Amino acid sequence: MTVPQSCHFEKKGRNDILMKIRLGKVEVTFFHSINQEILETILDKVLFYDNPAQ
């Protein structure tokens, strides 16, 4: 997975946040609902990159 140096997103307000997950230094914010399988895939990748020794 490559991380772009900069990426412009449409500005969202705090009231638009559906879910926010913070794992150590990594924070993932969802503004739209996604299906369970995609959510689990994203969280698995975040957890792996946060702690690759597992």
N, C-alpha and C. Protein backbone atom coordinates (compact mmCIF):
# COMPACT_ATOMS: atom_id res chain seq x y z
N MET A 1 0.85 -1.17 0.00
CA MET A 1 0.00 0.00 0.00
C MET A 1 0.89 1.23 0.00
N THR A 2 0.65 2.15 -0.92
CA THR A 2 1.42 3.38 -0.97
C THR A 2 0.60 4.52 -0.37
N VAL A 3 1.28 5.41 0.30
CA VAL A 3 0.63 6.55 0.92
C VAL A 3 1.01 7.79 0.13
N PRO A 4 0.01 8.50 -0.42
CA PRO A 4 0.35 9.70 -1.18
C PRO A 4 0.93 10.78 -0.28
N GLN A 5 1.83 11.60 -0.83
CA GLN A 5 2.42 12.68 -0.06
C GLN A 5 1.37 13.69 0.36
N SER A 6 0.44 13.98 -0.52
CA SER A 6 -0.66 14.87 -0.16
C SER A 6 -1.90 14.43 -0.91
N CYS A 7 -3.02 14.61 -0.28
CA CYS A 7 -4.28 14.22 -0.88
C CYS A 7 -5.34 15.20 -0.40
N HIS A 8 -6.05 15.81 -1.33
CA HIS A 8 -7.07 16.79 -0.97
C HIS A 8 -8.42 16.09 -0.89
N PHE A 9 -9.08 16.24 0.24
CA PHE A 9 -10.39 15.66 0.45
C PHE A 9 -11.41 16.78 0.62
N GLU A 10 -12.64 16.48 0.29
CA GLU A 10 -13.72 17.42 0.54
C GLU A 10 -13.82 17.65 2.04
N LYS A 11 -13.91 18.91 2.43
CA LYS A 11 -13.93 19.24 3.86
C LYS A 11 -15.23 18.72 4.49
N LYS A 12 -15.09 18.05 5.61
CA LYS A 12 -16.23 17.51 6.34
C LYS A 12 -16.27 18.14 7.72
N GLY A 13 -17.45 18.29 8.26
CA GLY A 13 -17.60 18.81 9.61
C GLY A 13 -17.59 17.69 10.63
N ARG A 14 -17.42 18.06 11.88
CA ARG A 14 -17.40 17.05 12.94
C ARG A 14 -18.72 16.29 13.01
N ASN A 15 -19.82 16.95 12.66
CA ASN A 15 -21.13 16.30 12.71
C ASN A 15 -21.29 15.24 11.64
N ASP A 16 -20.44 15.27 10.61
CA ASP A 16 -20.52 14.29 9.53
C ASP A 16 -19.78 12.99 9.85
N ILE A 17 -19.03 12.95 10.94
CA ILE A 17 -18.24 11.77 11.28
C ILE A 17 -19.16 10.64 11.72
N LEU A 18 -19.01 9.48 11.07
CA LEU A 18 -19.79 8.31 11.43
C LEU A 18 -19.07 7.48 12.49
N MET A 19 -17.74 7.34 12.33
CA MET A 19 -16.96 6.55 13.28
C MET A 19 -15.51 7.02 13.23
N LYS A 20 -14.88 7.09 14.40
CA LYS A 20 -13.47 7.47 14.48
C LYS A 20 -12.78 6.43 15.35
N ILE A 21 -11.67 5.88 14.85
CA ILE A 21 -10.92 4.86 15.56
C ILE A 21 -9.49 5.36 15.71
N ARG A 22 -8.96 5.33 16.91
CA ARG A 22 -7.58 5.76 17.15
C ARG A 22 -6.83 4.58 17.76
N LEU A 23 -5.76 4.17 17.07
CA LEU A 23 -4.91 3.07 17.53
C LEU A 23 -3.50 3.59 17.64
N GLY A 24 -3.09 3.95 18.83
CA GLY A 24 -1.76 4.53 19.00
C GLY A 24 -1.66 5.85 18.28
N LYS A 25 -0.74 5.94 17.31
CA LYS A 25 -0.54 7.18 16.55
C LYS A 25 -1.40 7.23 15.29
N VAL A 26 -2.12 6.16 15.01
CA VAL A 26 -2.91 6.08 13.78
C VAL A 26 -4.37 6.38 14.09
N GLU A 27 -4.97 7.25 13.30
CA GLU A 27 -6.38 7.57 13.47
C GLU A 27 -7.09 7.35 12.14
N VAL A 28 -8.21 6.63 12.18
CA VAL A 28 -9.00 6.37 10.99
C VAL A 28 -10.39 6.94 11.23
N THR A 29 -10.87 7.77 10.31
CA THR A 29 -12.18 8.40 10.44
C THR A 29 -13.03 7.99 9.25
N PHE A 30 -14.26 7.54 9.53
CA PHE A 30 -15.20 7.16 8.48
C PHE A 30 -16.33 8.18 8.44
N PHE A 31 -16.65 8.65 7.23
CA PHE A 31 -17.74 9.61 7.05
C PHE A 31 -18.94 8.95 6.39
N HIS A 32 -18.77 7.78 5.83
CA HIS A 32 -19.86 7.04 5.20
C HIS A 32 -19.85 5.63 5.76
N SER A 33 -21.03 5.03 5.82
CA SER A 33 -21.07 3.65 6.29
C SER A 33 -20.47 2.74 5.22
N ILE A 34 -19.77 1.71 5.67
CA ILE A 34 -19.19 0.72 4.77
C ILE A 34 -19.58 -0.66 5.28
N ASN A 35 -19.50 -1.64 4.40
CA ASN A 35 -19.92 -2.97 4.84
C ASN A 35 -18.88 -3.58 5.78
N GLN A 36 -19.30 -4.56 6.51
CA GLN A 36 -18.48 -5.17 7.56
C GLN A 36 -17.17 -5.74 7.02
N GLU A 37 -17.21 -6.36 5.85
CA GLU A 37 -16.01 -6.98 5.28
C GLU A 37 -14.94 -5.93 4.96
N ILE A 38 -15.35 -4.81 4.39
CA ILE A 38 -14.39 -3.74 4.08
C ILE A 38 -13.85 -3.13 5.36
N LEU A 39 -14.71 -2.92 6.35
CA LEU A 39 -14.27 -2.38 7.63
C LEU A 39 -13.21 -3.28 8.27
N GLU A 40 -13.44 -4.59 8.27
CA GLU A 40 -12.48 -5.53 8.86
C GLU A 40 -11.16 -5.52 8.08
N THR A 41 -11.22 -5.42 6.77
CA THR A 41 -10.01 -5.36 5.95
C THR A 41 -9.19 -4.12 6.28
N ILE A 42 -9.86 -2.98 6.38
CA ILE A 42 -9.16 -1.73 6.71
C ILE A 42 -8.53 -1.83 8.09
N LEU A 43 -9.29 -2.31 9.07
CA LEU A 43 -8.76 -2.41 10.43
C LEU A 43 -7.60 -3.40 10.51
N ASP A 44 -7.69 -4.51 9.78
CA ASP A 44 -6.58 -5.47 9.74
C ASP A 44 -5.31 -4.82 9.21
N LYS A 45 -5.43 -4.03 8.14
CA LYS A 45 -4.26 -3.35 7.57
C LYS A 45 -3.71 -2.31 8.53
N VAL A 46 -4.59 -1.55 9.18
CA VAL A 46 -4.14 -0.54 10.14
C VAL A 46 -3.41 -1.21 11.30
N LEU A 47 -3.97 -2.28 11.82
CA LEU A 47 -3.33 -2.99 12.94
C LEU A 47 -1.99 -3.57 12.51
N PHE A 48 -1.91 -4.11 11.29
CA PHE A 48 -0.65 -4.68 10.80
C PHE A 48 0.43 -3.61 10.68
N TYR A 49 0.08 -2.47 10.09
CA TYR A 49 1.08 -1.41 9.91
C TYR A 49 1.45 -0.76 11.23
N ASP A 50 0.53 -0.77 12.20
CA ASP A 50 0.83 -0.20 13.51
C ASP A 50 1.75 -1.12 14.31
N ASN A 51 1.64 -2.45 14.07
CA ASN A 51 2.45 -3.41 14.82
C ASN A 51 2.82 -4.57 13.89
N PRO A 52 3.79 -4.40 12.99
CA PRO A 52 4.12 -5.43 12.00
C PRO A 52 4.74 -6.70 12.59
N ALA A 53 5.12 -6.70 13.86
CA ALA A 53 5.74 -7.88 14.46
C ALA A 53 4.73 -9.00 14.70
N GLN A 54 3.45 -8.71 14.65
CA GLN A 54 2.44 -9.74 14.93
C GLN A 54 2.26 -10.66 13.75
